[in-house]
Amino acid sequence: MDWITEAALVRGPVFRGIDRWGHLGEEGLHANSVIPLLRQALARAGIAGELYTSHSLRRGFATWAHQSGWDLKSLMSYVGWKDMKSAMRYIEASPFLGMARLTEKPVSP
């Protein structure tokens, strides 16, 4: 969130190139650029970076958003998925999450 605020991002990709003069690019970084940066940041945090990829970020975000109550249509629009099959590959199933929410609220007779 600090990066988004500092870079004054209001739309477009979060991960962008910065040229040698410090100008922020409009295009997103290529996945082959993101992976080394991601692994370097994780290594600095003491996490085994070789276990993660840019796919991990997308999958983690999609699963988090789904579990946080985002509806599938909003998630697909936000991430840019056009078909449901693509989206469903990224969301980890939690089959009883909905059932747990149903039992939290008492049913009125």
N, C-alpha and C. Protein backbone atom coordinates (compact mmCIF):
# COMPACT_ATOMS: atom_id res chain seq x y z
N MET A 1 0.83 -1.19 0.00
CA MET A 1 0.00 0.00 0.00
C MET A 1 0.88 1.26 0.00
N ASP A 2 2.02 1.18 0.70
CA ASP A 2 2.93 2.33 0.71
C ASP A 2 3.42 2.62 -0.71
N TRP A 3 3.76 1.56 -1.46
CA TRP A 3 4.23 1.75 -2.84
C TRP A 3 3.15 2.40 -3.70
N ILE A 4 1.93 1.91 -3.59
CA ILE A 4 0.83 2.46 -4.40
C ILE A 4 0.62 3.94 -4.08
N THR A 5 0.68 4.29 -2.81
CA THR A 5 0.51 5.68 -2.40
C THR A 5 1.69 6.53 -2.88
N GLU A 6 2.90 6.06 -2.64
CA GLU A 6 4.11 6.82 -3.01
C GLU A 6 4.20 7.02 -4.52
N ALA A 7 3.84 5.99 -5.29
CA ALA A 7 3.91 6.08 -6.76
C ALA A 7 2.67 6.75 -7.35
N ALA A 8 1.70 7.07 -6.49
CA ALA A 8 0.44 7.71 -6.91
C ALA A 8 -0.29 6.89 -7.98
N LEU A 9 -0.32 5.57 -7.78
CA LEU A 9 -0.99 4.69 -8.73
C LEU A 9 -2.50 4.73 -8.49
N VAL A 10 -3.24 4.97 -9.55
CA VAL A 10 -4.70 4.96 -9.46
C VAL A 10 -5.31 3.93 -10.40
N ARG A 11 -4.51 3.43 -11.33
CA ARG A 11 -4.98 2.38 -12.24
C ARG A 11 -3.76 1.69 -12.85
N GLY A 12 -4.02 0.54 -13.44
CA GLY A 12 -2.94 -0.17 -14.13
C GLY A 12 -2.16 -1.07 -13.20
N PRO A 13 -1.09 -1.64 -13.74
CA PRO A 13 -0.29 -2.61 -12.99
C PRO A 13 0.42 -2.00 -11.78
N VAL A 14 0.57 -2.79 -10.75
CA VAL A 14 1.30 -2.36 -9.56
C VAL A 14 2.80 -2.46 -9.80
N PHE A 15 3.23 -3.58 -10.40
CA PHE A 15 4.64 -3.80 -10.66
C PHE A 15 4.99 -3.23 -12.03
N ARG A 16 5.76 -2.14 -12.05
CA ARG A 16 6.11 -1.44 -13.29
C ARG A 16 7.61 -1.17 -13.32
N GLY A 17 8.09 -0.98 -14.52
CA GLY A 17 9.49 -0.64 -14.68
C GLY A 17 9.76 0.82 -14.29
N ILE A 18 10.98 1.06 -13.87
CA ILE A 18 11.44 2.42 -13.58
C ILE A 18 12.70 2.62 -14.41
N ASP A 19 12.71 3.67 -15.23
CA ASP A 19 13.87 3.88 -16.10
C ASP A 19 15.04 4.47 -15.33
N ARG A 20 16.18 4.63 -16.01
CA ARG A 20 17.39 5.09 -15.32
C ARG A 20 17.28 6.52 -14.80
N TRP A 21 16.26 7.25 -15.22
CA TRP A 21 16.05 8.61 -14.72
C TRP A 21 15.01 8.65 -13.60
N GLY A 22 14.52 7.47 -13.21
CA GLY A 22 13.56 7.38 -12.12
C GLY A 22 12.11 7.56 -12.53
N HIS A 23 11.83 7.53 -13.84
CA HIS A 23 10.45 7.67 -14.31
C HIS A 23 9.74 6.33 -14.28
N LEU A 24 8.54 6.31 -13.72
CA LEU A 24 7.74 5.11 -13.61
C LEU A 24 7.06 4.81 -14.93
N GLY A 25 7.18 3.59 -15.43
CA GLY A 25 6.56 3.19 -16.68
C GLY A 25 5.07 2.92 -16.53
N GLU A 26 4.37 2.89 -17.64
CA GLU A 26 2.93 2.59 -17.64
C GLU A 26 2.65 1.10 -17.76
N GLU A 27 3.56 0.36 -18.37
CA GLU A 27 3.36 -1.07 -18.61
C GLU A 27 3.81 -1.89 -17.40
N GLY A 28 3.16 -3.02 -17.21
CA GLY A 28 3.54 -3.92 -16.14
C GLY A 28 4.84 -4.63 -16.47
N LEU A 29 5.55 -5.04 -15.45
CA LEU A 29 6.77 -5.80 -15.66
C LEU A 29 6.43 -7.17 -16.24
N HIS A 30 7.30 -7.69 -17.06
CA HIS A 30 7.14 -9.05 -17.59
C HIS A 30 7.36 -10.03 -16.45
N ALA A 31 6.67 -11.17 -16.50
CA ALA A 31 6.80 -12.17 -15.43
C ALA A 31 8.25 -12.56 -15.18
N ASN A 32 9.06 -12.59 -16.22
CA ASN A 32 10.48 -12.94 -16.04
C ASN A 32 11.25 -11.86 -15.29
N SER A 33 10.70 -10.66 -15.22
CA SER A 33 11.32 -9.59 -14.43
C SER A 33 10.84 -9.63 -12.98
N VAL A 34 9.58 -10.02 -12.79
CA VAL A 34 8.99 -10.02 -11.45
C VAL A 34 9.56 -11.13 -10.58
N ILE A 35 9.77 -12.30 -11.17
CA ILE A 35 10.22 -13.45 -10.38
C ILE A 35 11.55 -13.18 -9.66
N PRO A 36 12.59 -12.69 -10.34
CA PRO A 36 13.84 -12.41 -9.60
C PRO A 36 13.66 -11.35 -8.50
N LEU A 37 12.84 -10.34 -8.77
CA LEU A 37 12.59 -9.31 -7.75
C LEU A 37 11.84 -9.89 -6.56
N LEU A 38 10.84 -10.71 -6.84
CA LEU A 38 10.07 -11.36 -5.78
C LEU A 38 10.98 -12.24 -4.92
N ARG A 39 11.79 -13.04 -5.56
CA ARG A 39 12.67 -13.95 -4.82
C ARG A 39 13.71 -13.19 -4.01
N GLN A 40 14.19 -12.09 -4.54
CA GLN A 40 15.16 -11.28 -3.80
C GLN A 40 14.51 -10.68 -2.55
N ALA A 41 13.29 -10.16 -2.69
CA ALA A 41 12.58 -9.59 -1.54
C ALA A 41 12.29 -10.65 -0.49
N LEU A 42 11.87 -11.83 -0.92
CA LEU A 42 11.60 -12.92 0.01
C LEU A 42 12.88 -13.36 0.72
N ALA A 43 13.98 -13.45 0.00
CA ALA A 43 15.26 -13.85 0.61
C ALA A 43 15.67 -12.84 1.69
N ARG A 44 15.47 -11.55 1.40
CA ARG A 44 15.79 -10.51 2.41
C ARG A 44 14.93 -10.67 3.66
N ALA A 45 13.72 -11.21 3.49
CA ALA A 45 12.82 -11.42 4.62
C ALA A 45 13.06 -12.75 5.31
N GLY A 46 14.06 -13.52 4.82
CA GLY A 46 14.37 -14.81 5.42
C GLY A 46 13.45 -15.94 4.98
N ILE A 47 12.80 -15.76 3.83
CA ILE A 47 11.89 -16.77 3.29
C ILE A 47 12.53 -17.41 2.07
N ALA A 48 12.38 -18.72 1.93
CA ALA A 48 12.96 -19.44 0.80
C ALA A 48 12.29 -18.99 -0.50
N GLY A 49 12.87 -18.02 -1.17
CA GLY A 49 12.29 -17.42 -2.36
C GLY A 49 12.15 -18.33 -3.55
N GLU A 50 13.00 -19.37 -3.65
CA GLU A 50 12.94 -20.26 -4.81
C GLU A 50 11.64 -21.05 -4.88
N LEU A 51 10.86 -21.03 -3.80
CA LEU A 51 9.58 -21.75 -3.79
C LEU A 51 8.43 -20.93 -4.39
N TYR A 52 8.67 -19.66 -4.73
CA TYR A 52 7.60 -18.77 -5.16
C TYR A 52 7.84 -18.24 -6.58
N THR A 53 6.73 -17.97 -7.26
CA THR A 53 6.76 -17.40 -8.61
C THR A 53 5.71 -16.30 -8.69
N SER A 54 5.65 -15.62 -9.84
CA SER A 54 4.61 -14.62 -10.03
C SER A 54 3.23 -15.30 -10.02
N HIS A 55 3.17 -16.56 -10.44
CA HIS A 55 1.93 -17.33 -10.37
C HIS A 55 1.48 -17.45 -8.91
N SER A 56 2.43 -17.62 -8.00
CA SER A 56 2.11 -17.71 -6.57
C SER A 56 1.40 -16.45 -6.10
N LEU A 57 1.87 -15.30 -6.56
CA LEU A 57 1.24 -14.04 -6.17
C LEU A 57 -0.20 -13.97 -6.65
N ARG A 58 -0.41 -14.32 -7.91
CA ARG A 58 -1.76 -14.25 -8.49
C ARG A 58 -2.68 -15.25 -7.79
N ARG A 59 -2.19 -16.45 -7.60
CA ARG A 59 -3.01 -17.48 -6.94
C ARG A 59 -3.32 -17.09 -5.50
N GLY A 60 -2.31 -16.60 -4.80
CA GLY A 60 -2.52 -16.17 -3.41
C GLY A 60 -3.52 -15.03 -3.32
N PHE A 61 -3.41 -14.05 -4.23
CA PHE A 61 -4.35 -12.94 -4.22
C PHE A 61 -5.76 -13.42 -4.53
N ALA A 62 -5.90 -14.25 -5.55
CA ALA A 62 -7.23 -14.74 -5.95
C ALA A 62 -7.89 -15.51 -4.81
N THR A 63 -7.12 -16.36 -4.14
CA THR A 63 -7.66 -17.14 -3.03
C THR A 63 -8.03 -16.22 -1.86
N TRP A 64 -7.16 -15.27 -1.55
CA TRP A 64 -7.45 -14.32 -0.47
C TRP A 64 -8.72 -13.53 -0.78
N ALA A 65 -8.83 -13.01 -2.00
CA ALA A 65 -10.00 -12.21 -2.38
C ALA A 65 -11.28 -13.04 -2.28
N HIS A 66 -11.23 -14.26 -2.77
CA HIS A 66 -12.40 -15.15 -2.72
C HIS A 66 -12.81 -15.42 -1.27
N GLN A 67 -11.83 -15.74 -0.42
CA GLN A 67 -12.12 -16.03 0.98
C GLN A 67 -12.54 -14.77 1.75
N SER A 68 -12.20 -13.59 1.22
CA SER A 68 -12.58 -12.34 1.86
C SER A 68 -13.93 -11.82 1.38
N GLY A 69 -14.60 -12.62 0.55
CA GLY A 69 -15.95 -12.26 0.15
C GLY A 69 -16.10 -11.63 -1.22
N TRP A 70 -15.03 -11.51 -1.99
CA TRP A 70 -15.17 -10.97 -3.34
C TRP A 70 -16.00 -11.95 -4.16
N ASP A 71 -16.97 -11.44 -4.91
CA ASP A 71 -17.70 -12.34 -5.80
C ASP A 71 -16.83 -12.60 -7.02
N LEU A 72 -17.09 -13.73 -7.67
CA LEU A 72 -16.25 -14.18 -8.77
C LEU A 72 -16.22 -13.18 -9.93
N LYS A 73 -17.34 -12.58 -10.23
CA LYS A 73 -17.40 -11.62 -11.34
C LYS A 73 -16.51 -10.40 -11.07
N SER A 74 -16.54 -9.88 -9.85
CA SER A 74 -15.68 -8.74 -9.49
C SER A 74 -14.21 -9.12 -9.54
N LEU A 75 -13.88 -10.30 -9.02
CA LEU A 75 -12.50 -10.77 -9.04
C LEU A 75 -12.00 -10.91 -10.47
N MET A 76 -12.81 -11.52 -11.33
CA MET A 76 -12.42 -11.70 -12.72
C MET A 76 -12.19 -10.36 -13.41
N SER A 77 -13.04 -9.40 -13.14
CA SER A 77 -12.90 -8.08 -13.73
C SER A 77 -11.62 -7.40 -13.24
N TYR A 78 -11.36 -7.50 -11.95
CA TYR A 78 -10.20 -6.85 -11.34
C TYR A 78 -8.89 -7.41 -11.89
N VAL A 79 -8.83 -8.74 -12.01
CA VAL A 79 -7.60 -9.40 -12.44
C VAL A 79 -7.47 -9.43 -13.96
N GLY A 80 -8.60 -9.38 -14.66
CA GLY A 80 -8.58 -9.37 -16.12
C GLY A 80 -8.85 -10.72 -16.76
N TRP A 81 -9.41 -11.66 -16.00
CA TRP A 81 -9.76 -12.94 -16.56
C TRP A 81 -11.03 -12.81 -17.38
N LYS A 82 -11.04 -13.45 -18.54
CA LYS A 82 -12.21 -13.39 -19.42
C LYS A 82 -13.13 -14.59 -19.25
N ASP A 83 -12.58 -15.75 -18.89
CA ASP A 83 -13.45 -16.90 -18.74
C ASP A 83 -13.31 -17.53 -17.36
N MET A 84 -14.39 -18.14 -16.92
CA MET A 84 -14.47 -18.68 -15.57
C MET A 84 -13.47 -19.81 -15.33
N LYS A 85 -13.19 -20.62 -16.34
CA LYS A 85 -12.25 -21.72 -16.17
C LYS A 85 -10.87 -21.22 -15.76
N SER A 86 -10.43 -20.13 -16.36
CA SER A 86 -9.14 -19.55 -15.98
C SER A 86 -9.15 -19.11 -14.53
N ALA A 87 -10.20 -18.41 -14.15
CA ALA A 87 -10.29 -17.91 -12.78
C ALA A 87 -10.30 -19.05 -11.77
N MET A 88 -11.05 -20.08 -12.05
CA MET A 88 -11.19 -21.18 -11.09
C MET A 88 -9.88 -21.94 -10.87
N ARG A 89 -8.97 -21.89 -11.84
CA ARG A 89 -7.66 -22.56 -11.66
C ARG A 89 -6.83 -21.87 -10.58
N TYR A 90 -7.09 -20.60 -10.33
CA TYR A 90 -6.28 -19.84 -9.38
C TYR A 90 -6.84 -19.82 -7.96
N ILE A 91 -8.10 -20.15 -7.79
CA ILE A 91 -8.72 -20.06 -6.47
C ILE A 91 -8.67 -21.42 -5.80
N GLU A 92 -8.05 -21.48 -4.62
CA GLU A 92 -8.00 -22.72 -3.87
C GLU A 92 -9.38 -22.98 -3.25
N ALA A 93 -9.82 -24.19 -3.36
CA ALA A 93 -11.14 -24.56 -2.84
C ALA A 93 -11.13 -24.59 -1.32
N SER A 94 -12.18 -24.09 -0.74
CA SER A 94 -12.42 -24.23 0.70
C SER A 94 -13.89 -24.63 0.83
N PRO A 95 -14.16 -25.92 0.63
CA PRO A 95 -15.53 -26.40 0.46
C PRO A 95 -16.48 -26.15 1.62
N PHE A 96 -15.97 -26.03 2.81
CA PHE A 96 -16.87 -25.88 3.94
C PHE A 96 -16.91 -24.46 4.50
N LEU A 97 -16.22 -23.52 3.84
CA LEU A 97 -16.20 -22.13 4.30
C LEU A 97 -17.61 -21.55 4.34
N GLY A 98 -18.37 -21.76 3.28
CA GLY A 98 -19.74 -21.24 3.22
C GLY A 98 -20.62 -21.87 4.28
N MET A 99 -20.44 -23.15 4.51
CA MET A 99 -21.23 -23.84 5.52
C MET A 99 -20.93 -23.30 6.91
N ALA A 100 -19.67 -22.98 7.17
CA ALA A 100 -19.30 -22.43 8.48
C ALA A 100 -19.98 -21.09 8.69
N ARG A 101 -20.06 -20.28 7.65
CA ARG A 101 -20.72 -18.97 7.77
C ARG A 101 -22.21 -19.14 8.02
N LEU A 102 -22.83 -20.15 7.40
CA LEU A 102 -24.26 -20.38 7.61
C LEU A 102 -24.56 -20.75 9.05
N THR A 103 -23.70 -21.54 9.67
CA THR A 103 -23.96 -21.99 11.02
C THR A 103 -23.63 -20.94 12.07
N GLU A 104 -22.92 -19.87 11.68
CA GLU A 104 -22.59 -18.82 12.65
C GLU A 104 -23.81 -18.00 13.03
N LYS A 105 -24.77 -17.87 12.13
CA LYS A 105 -25.96 -17.07 12.39
C LYS A 105 -27.12 -17.98 12.77
N PRO A 106 -27.77 -17.71 13.88
CA PRO A 106 -28.91 -18.57 14.25
C PRO A 106 -30.04 -18.39 13.25
N VAL A 107 -30.72 -19.48 12.98
CA VAL A 107 -31.84 -19.46 12.05
C VAL A 107 -33.09 -19.14 12.84
N SER A 108 -33.83 -18.13 12.37
CA SER A 108 -35.08 -17.76 13.04
C SER A 108 -36.20 -18.68 12.59
N PRO A 109 -37.06 -19.13 13.53
CA PRO A 109 -38.16 -20.02 13.17
C PRO A 109 -39.23 -19.30 12.36
